[in-house]
Amino acid sequence: MPAASRGEASRERLFVSLKNLILTLLAIGKTRAELLVTEVEEEKLRLMSLWAKAIGAAFLFTVGLIMLVAFVALIFWEQRILVFGLAAGLFLVTGLFLVAALRRQISQPSKLFSASLAELEADMAQLQRATDKQ
């Protein structure tokens, strides 16, 4: 086999290898992007569901509490000022408790993209092992 043919064949194999490498990297990138999009969609649906439930629960709970306070005030009409004062104090303490709980929850890190980041780290480790072998 002439030397020119061998050189041409090795260049062709190199080109095919580079093409395969690029296609593999593109496929990995596409898969990771799809995973990110899926996670964002799931998080969006979860947050929308949480907000809808929270707003509904807050509204119904508020109406129920107002009716309960009015009911207790009607039962103890002579002490209505004390009843309304105690109810206001209870509402304020509960509100402060909820603010503290929200602050605690906000300070915790989000788990958004955790699966994608783990997959990317695994890919990087695999590429590093492949590079170290060479």
C-alpha atoms as a PDB file:
ATOM      1  CA  MET A   1       0.000   0.000   0.000  1.00  0.00           C
ATOM      2  CA  PRO A   2       1.514   3.354  -0.970  1.00  0.00           C
ATOM      3  CA  ALA A   3       2.371   5.847   1.763  1.00  0.00           C
ATOM      4  CA  ALA A   4      -0.044   8.428   0.347  1.00  0.00           C
ATOM      5  CA  SER A   5      -2.943   5.992   0.655  1.00  0.00           C
ATOM      6  CA  ARG A   6      -2.052   5.149   4.254  1.00  0.00           C
ATOM      7  CA  GLY A   7      -1.834   8.828   5.161  1.00  0.00           C
ATOM      8  CA  GLU A   8      -5.132   9.502   3.434  1.00  0.00           C
ATOM      9  CA  ALA A   9      -6.780   6.559   5.216  1.00  0.00           C
ATOM     10  CA  SER A  10      -5.479   7.683   8.607  1.00  0.00           C
ATOM     11  CA  ARG A  11      -6.742  11.231   7.958  1.00  0.00           C
ATOM     12  CA  GLU A  12     -10.113   9.805   6.982  1.00  0.00           C
ATOM     13  CA  ARG A  13     -10.235   7.722  10.182  1.00  0.00           C
ATOM     14  CA  LEU A  14      -9.260  10.807  12.194  1.00  0.00           C
ATOM     15  CA  PHE A  15     -12.029  12.794  10.512  1.00  0.00           C
ATOM     16  CA  VAL A  16     -14.560  10.025  11.239  1.00  0.00           C
ATOM     17  CA  SER A  17     -13.376   9.867  14.869  1.00  0.00           C
ATOM     18  CA  LEU A  18     -13.695  13.633  15.268  1.00  0.00           C
ATOM     19  CA  LYS A  19     -17.111  13.553  13.644  1.00  0.00           C
ATOM     20  CA  ASN A  20     -18.238  10.779  16.017  1.00  0.00           C
ATOM     21  CA  LEU A  21     -16.835  12.683  19.006  1.00  0.00           C
ATOM     22  CA  ILE A  22     -18.691  15.846  18.007  1.00  0.00           C
ATOM     23  CA  LEU A  23     -21.919  13.899  17.452  1.00  0.00           C
ATOM     24  CA  THR A  24     -21.531  12.241  20.856  1.00  0.00           C
ATOM     25  CA  LEU A  25     -20.913  15.576  22.575  1.00  0.00           C
ATOM     26  CA  LEU A  26     -23.926  17.081  20.835  1.00  0.00           C
ATOM     27  CA  ALA A  27     -26.093  14.132  21.881  1.00  0.00           C
ATOM     28  CA  ILE A  28     -24.914  14.491  25.492  1.00  0.00           C
ATOM     29  CA  GLY A  29     -25.608  18.226  25.394  1.00  0.00           C
ATOM     30  CA  LYS A  30     -29.066  17.654  23.916  1.00  0.00           C
ATOM     31  CA  THR A  31     -29.897  15.089  26.585  1.00  0.00           C
ATOM     32  CA  ARG A  32     -28.744  17.412  29.366  1.00  0.00           C
ATOM     33  CA  ALA A  33     -30.708  20.323  27.906  1.00  0.00           C
ATOM     34  CA  GLU A  34     -33.840  18.170  27.724  1.00  0.00           C
ATOM     35  CA  LEU A  35     -33.324  17.165  31.349  1.00  0.00           C
ATOM     36  CA  LEU A  36     -32.993  20.816  32.360  1.00  0.00           C
ATOM     37  CA  VAL A  37     -36.174  21.739  30.492  1.00  0.00           C
ATOM     38  CA  THR A  38     -38.041  18.858  32.116  1.00  0.00           C
ATOM     39  CA  GLU A  39     -36.886  19.933  35.576  1.00  0.00           C
ATOM     40  CA  VAL A  40     -37.945  23.529  34.946  1.00  0.00           C
ATOM     41  CA  GLU A  41     -41.380  22.390  33.745  1.00  0.00           C
ATOM     42  CA  GLU A  42     -41.842  20.142  36.781  1.00  0.00           C
ATOM     43  CA  GLU A  43     -40.771  22.913  39.147  1.00  0.00           C
ATOM     44  CA  LYS A  44     -43.122  25.390  37.449  1.00  0.00           C
ATOM     45  CA  LEU A  45     -46.083  23.015  37.791  1.00  0.00           C
ATOM     46  CA  ARG A  46     -45.191  22.268  41.402  1.00  0.00           C
ATOM     47  CA  LEU A  47     -44.973  25.955  42.277  1.00  0.00           C
ATOM     48  CA  MET A  48     -48.244  26.761  40.520  1.00  0.00           C
ATOM     49  CA  SER A  49     -49.966  23.965  42.412  1.00  0.00           C
ATOM     50  CA  LEU A  50     -48.482  25.113  45.719  1.00  0.00           C
ATOM     51  CA  TRP A  51     -49.536  28.721  45.137  1.00  0.00           C
ATOM     52  CA  ALA A  52     -53.089  27.733  44.180  1.00  0.00           C
ATOM     53  CA  LYS A  53     -53.459  25.554  47.261  1.00  0.00           C
ATOM     54  CA  ALA A  54     -51.873  28.151  49.526  1.00  0.00           C
ATOM     55  CA  ILE A  55     -54.109  30.971  48.273  1.00  0.00           C
ATOM     56  CA  GLY A  56     -57.233  28.822  48.575  1.00  0.00           C
ATOM     57  CA  ALA A  57     -56.306  27.628  52.046  1.00  0.00           C
ATOM     58  CA  ALA A  58     -55.425  31.135  53.226  1.00  0.00           C
ATOM     59  CA  PHE A  59     -58.711  32.546  51.950  1.00  0.00           C
ATOM     60  CA  LEU A  60     -60.849  29.820  53.516  1.00  0.00           C
ATOM     61  CA  PHE A  61     -58.880  29.884  56.758  1.00  0.00           C
ATOM     62  CA  THR A  62     -59.264  33.666  56.985  1.00  0.00           C
ATOM     63  CA  VAL A  63     -63.019  33.552  56.395  1.00  0.00           C
ATOM     64  CA  GLY A  64     -63.333  30.784  58.979  1.00  0.00           C
ATOM     65  CA  LEU A  65     -61.345  32.718  61.564  1.00  0.00           C
ATOM     66  CA  ILE A  66     -63.332  35.906  61.020  1.00  0.00           C
ATOM     67  CA  MET A  67     -66.579  33.987  61.443  1.00  0.00           C
ATOM     68  CA  LEU A  68     -65.237  32.235  64.551  1.00  0.00           C
ATOM     69  CA  VAL A  69     -64.200  35.524  66.151  1.00  0.00           C
ATOM     70  CA  ALA A  70     -67.604  37.043  65.323  1.00  0.00           C
ATOM     71  CA  PHE A  71     -69.318  33.972  66.789  1.00  0.00           C
ATOM     72  CA  VAL A  72     -67.292  34.142  70.011  1.00  0.00           C
ATOM     73  CA  ALA A  73     -67.908  37.891  70.234  1.00  0.00           C
ATOM     74  CA  LEU A  74     -71.654  37.313  69.899  1.00  0.00           C
ATOM     75  CA  ILE A  75     -71.594  34.641  72.594  1.00  0.00           C
ATOM     76  CA  PHE A  76     -69.617  36.874  74.970  1.00  0.00           C
ATOM     77  CA  TRP A  77     -71.171  40.180  73.925  1.00  0.00           C
ATOM     78  CA  GLU A  78     -70.368  41.933  77.198  1.00  0.00           C
ATOM     79  CA  GLN A  79     -66.650  41.071  76.827  1.00  0.00           C
ATOM     80  CA  ARG A  80     -66.482  41.718  73.061  1.00  0.00           C
ATOM     81  CA  ILE A  81     -63.540  44.110  73.413  1.00  0.00           C
ATOM     82  CA  LEU A  82     -61.545  41.408  75.225  1.00  0.00           C
ATOM     83  CA  VAL A  83     -62.575  38.790  72.625  1.00  0.00           C
ATOM     84  CA  PHE A  84     -61.493  40.985  69.701  1.00  0.00           C
ATOM     85  CA  GLY A  85     -58.260  41.937  71.484  1.00  0.00           C
ATOM     86  CA  LEU A  86     -57.366  38.305  72.169  1.00  0.00           C
ATOM     87  CA  ALA A  87     -58.207  37.332  68.593  1.00  0.00           C
ATOM     88  CA  ALA A  88     -56.017  40.148  67.227  1.00  0.00           C
ATOM     89  CA  GLY A  89     -53.147  39.051  69.483  1.00  0.00           C
ATOM     90  CA  LEU A  90     -53.547  35.444  68.358  1.00  0.00           C
ATOM     91  CA  PHE A  91     -53.538  36.504  64.703  1.00  0.00           C
ATOM     92  CA  LEU A  92     -50.391  38.589  65.188  1.00  0.00           C
ATOM     93  CA  VAL A  93     -48.524  35.777  66.969  1.00  0.00           C
ATOM     94  CA  THR A  94     -49.533  33.307  64.255  1.00  0.00           C
ATOM     95  CA  GLY A  95     -48.443  35.766  61.558  1.00  0.00           C
ATOM     96  CA  LEU A  96     -45.036  36.199  63.221  1.00  0.00           C
ATOM     97  CA  PHE A  97     -44.664  32.423  63.413  1.00  0.00           C
ATOM     98  CA  LEU A  98     -45.405  32.141  59.684  1.00  0.00           C
ATOM     99  CA  VAL A  99     -42.883  34.874  58.851  1.00  0.00           C
ATOM    100  CA  ALA A 100     -40.222  32.996  60.841  1.00  0.00           C
ATOM    101  CA  ALA A 101     -41.096  29.763  59.034  1.00  0.00           C
ATOM    102  CA  LEU A 102     -40.843  31.525  55.662  1.00  0.00           C
ATOM    103  CA  ARG A 103     -37.428  32.934  56.548  1.00  0.00           C
ATOM    104  CA  ARG A 104     -36.211  29.458  57.504  1.00  0.00           C
ATOM    105  CA  GLN A 105     -37.498  28.006  54.257  1.00  0.00           C
ATOM    106  CA  ILE A 106     -36.005  30.805  52.141  1.00  0.00           C
ATOM    107  CA  SER A 107     -32.598  30.251  53.739  1.00  0.00           C
ATOM    108  CA  GLN A 108     -32.556  26.608  52.606  1.00  0.00           C
ATOM    109  CA  PRO A 109     -30.964  26.003  49.198  1.00  0.00           C
ATOM    110  CA  SER A 110     -33.163  25.082  46.268  1.00  0.00           C
ATOM    111  CA  LYS A 111     -32.969  21.594  44.763  1.00  0.00           C
ATOM    112  CA  LEU A 112     -33.709  22.938  41.291  1.00  0.00           C
ATOM    113  CA  PHE A 113     -31.365  21.436  38.677  1.00  0.00           C
ATOM    114  CA  SER A 114     -29.814  19.040  41.211  1.00  0.00           C
ATOM    115  CA  ALA A 115     -30.340  16.025  38.943  1.00  0.00           C
ATOM    116  CA  SER A 116     -28.879  17.882  35.959  1.00  0.00           C
ATOM    117  CA  LEU A 117     -25.876  19.029  37.944  1.00  0.00           C
ATOM    118  CA  ALA A 118     -25.277  15.498  39.211  1.00  0.00           C
ATOM    119  CA  GLU A 119     -25.404  14.149  35.652  1.00  0.00           C
ATOM    120  CA  LEU A 120     -23.015  16.826  34.413  1.00  0.00           C
ATOM    121  CA  GLU A 121     -20.600  16.031  37.246  1.00  0.00           C
ATOM    122  CA  ALA A 122     -20.778  12.346  36.344  1.00  0.00           C
ATOM    123  CA  ASP A 123     -20.082  13.208  32.697  1.00  0.00           C
ATOM    124  CA  MET A 124     -17.121  15.350  33.679  1.00  0.00           C
ATOM    125  CA  ALA A 125     -15.716  12.594  35.887  1.00  0.00           C
ATOM    126  CA  GLN A 126     -16.121  10.068  33.088  1.00  0.00           C
ATOM    127  CA  LEU A 127     -14.372  12.365  30.611  1.00  0.00           C
ATOM    128  CA  GLN A 128     -11.582  12.967  33.133  1.00  0.00           C
ATOM    129  CA  ARG A 129     -11.095   9.195  33.602  1.00  0.00           C
ATOM    130  CA  ALA A 130     -11.000   8.736  29.814  1.00  0.00           C
ATOM    131  CA  THR A 131      -8.449  11.547  29.514  1.00  0.00           C
ATOM    132  CA  ASP A 132      -6.298  10.092  32.310  1.00  0.00           C
ATOM    133  CA  LYS A 133      -6.183   6.700  30.558  1.00  0.00           C
ATOM    134  CA  GLN A 134      -4.680   8.260  27.464  1.00  0.00           C
END
